[in-house]
């Protein structure tokens, strides 16, 4: 026997990841009002809105940091290539010819 409150299982719906970590936030009244407005306008839960904002900002920070970490390595490789350029191989010659042809036709 099933309860009338039980949700039917839908095989096409995606399982949501389990959320187990909690954080507490203190907001200024102005930021709290802005959050409430965004929640009302988006039709999403406060938790979903804040979680998405955290995920986006965290990804941005990680991306920026990885780029900064590669910058010194990439700069060294670029300067080395400028100081000691490789001899053009056949593929490079073909590429240069295509570039010149494209440039002349533009």
Protein backbone atom coordinates (compact mmCIF):
# COMPACT_ATOMS: atom_id res chain seq x y z
CA UNK A 1 0.00 0.00 0.00
CA UNK A 2 1.38 3.43 -0.93
CA UNK A 3 0.89 6.69 0.85
CA UNK A 4 -0.93 9.45 -0.98
CA UNK A 5 1.97 11.77 -0.12
CA UNK A 6 4.58 9.53 -1.72
CA UNK A 7 6.14 10.90 -4.88
CA UNK A 8 5.89 8.68 -7.92
CA UNK A 9 9.24 7.49 -9.20
CA UNK A 10 10.00 8.77 -12.64
CA UNK A 11 12.72 6.90 -14.46
CA UNK A 12 13.44 9.92 -16.69
CA UNK A 13 14.11 12.34 -13.85
CA UNK A 14 17.70 12.89 -12.81
CA UNK A 15 18.81 12.09 -9.30
CA UNK A 16 19.94 15.21 -7.46
CA UNK A 17 23.25 15.02 -5.66
CA UNK A 18 22.97 14.75 -1.91
CA UNK A 19 23.72 18.02 -0.18
CA UNK A 20 25.24 17.50 3.22
CA UNK A 21 27.35 20.58 3.90
CA UNK A 22 25.76 23.62 5.53
CA UNK A 23 27.04 27.16 5.71
CA UNK A 24 25.66 30.11 7.64
CA UNK A 25 25.69 33.59 6.15
CA UNK A 26 25.15 37.01 7.65
CA UNK A 27 23.87 39.58 5.18
CA UNK A 28 23.37 43.30 5.37
CA UNK A 29 19.72 44.31 5.21
CA UNK A 30 20.30 45.69 1.69
CA UNK A 31 21.88 42.48 0.41
CA UNK A 32 19.17 40.42 2.09
CA UNK A 33 16.49 42.47 0.32
CA UNK A 34 18.30 42.06 -3.00
CA UNK A 35 18.51 38.31 -2.44
CA UNK A 36 14.80 38.14 -1.57
CA UNK A 37 13.96 40.06 -4.75
CA UNK A 38 16.14 37.79 -6.89
CA UNK A 39 14.51 34.71 -5.34
CA UNK A 40 11.03 36.10 -6.02
CA UNK A 41 11.90 37.07 -9.59
CA UNK A 42 13.63 33.80 -10.44
CA UNK A 43 11.07 31.49 -8.86
CA UNK A 44 13.90 29.43 -7.42
CA UNK A 45 14.73 28.65 -3.85
CA UNK A 46 17.13 30.81 -1.89
CA UNK A 47 19.35 27.79 -1.40
CA UNK A 48 19.49 27.02 -5.13
CA UNK A 49 20.25 30.64 -6.00
CA UNK A 50 23.03 30.98 -3.44
CA UNK A 51 24.48 27.56 -4.30
CA UNK A 52 24.65 28.46 -8.00
CA UNK A 53 26.31 31.81 -7.22
CA UNK A 54 28.91 30.09 -5.04
CA UNK A 55 29.62 27.47 -7.72
CA UNK A 56 30.04 30.11 -10.44
CA UNK A 57 32.35 32.31 -8.35
CA UNK A 58 34.42 29.36 -7.13
CA UNK A 59 34.89 28.14 -10.72
CA UNK A 60 35.91 31.63 -11.82
CA UNK A 61 38.53 31.90 -9.05
CA UNK A 62 39.95 28.45 -9.82
CA UNK A 63 40.11 29.26 -13.57
CA UNK A 64 41.86 32.58 -12.94
CA UNK A 65 44.34 31.02 -10.54
CA UNK A 66 45.21 28.24 -12.97
CA UNK A 67 45.85 30.82 -15.69
CA UNK A 68 48.11 32.77 -13.38
CA UNK A 69 50.02 29.66 -12.44
CA UNK A 70 50.63 28.87 -16.11
CA UNK A 71 51.64 32.40 -17.03
CA UNK A 72 55.28 32.18 -15.88
CA UNK A 73 55.76 28.81 -17.58
CA UNK A 74 54.10 30.00 -20.78
CA UNK A 75 56.12 33.22 -20.83
CA UNK A 76 59.38 31.27 -20.44
CA UNK A 77 58.39 28.97 -23.31
CA UNK A 78 57.43 31.94 -25.51
CA UNK A 79 60.68 33.79 -24.83
CA UNK A 80 62.66 30.62 -25.53
CA UNK A 81 60.83 30.15 -28.85
CA UNK A 82 61.51 33.79 -29.80
CA UNK A 83 65.19 33.52 -28.90
CA UNK A 84 65.62 30.12 -30.55
CA UNK A 85 62.92 29.66 -33.20
CA UNK A 86 62.58 26.20 -34.70
CA UNK A 87 63.39 25.66 -38.36
CA UNK A 88 60.20 25.65 -40.43
CA UNK A 89 59.03 22.15 -41.32
CA UNK A 90 56.81 21.20 -44.25
CA UNK A 91 53.57 21.62 -42.27
CA UNK A 92 54.62 25.10 -41.16
CA UNK A 93 55.49 26.06 -44.77
CA UNK A 94 52.05 24.90 -45.96
CA UNK A 95 50.38 26.84 -43.15
CA UNK A 96 52.28 30.02 -44.03
CA UNK A 97 51.32 29.61 -47.69
CA UNK A 98 47.63 29.22 -46.76
CA UNK A 99 47.84 32.29 -44.51
CA UNK A 100 49.43 34.39 -47.27
CA UNK A 101 46.82 33.23 -49.78
CA UNK A 102 43.99 34.04 -47.36
CA UNK A 103 45.52 37.44 -46.51
CA UNK A 104 45.88 38.39 -50.17
CA UNK A 105 42.28 37.44 -50.97
CA UNK A 106 40.82 39.46 -48.08
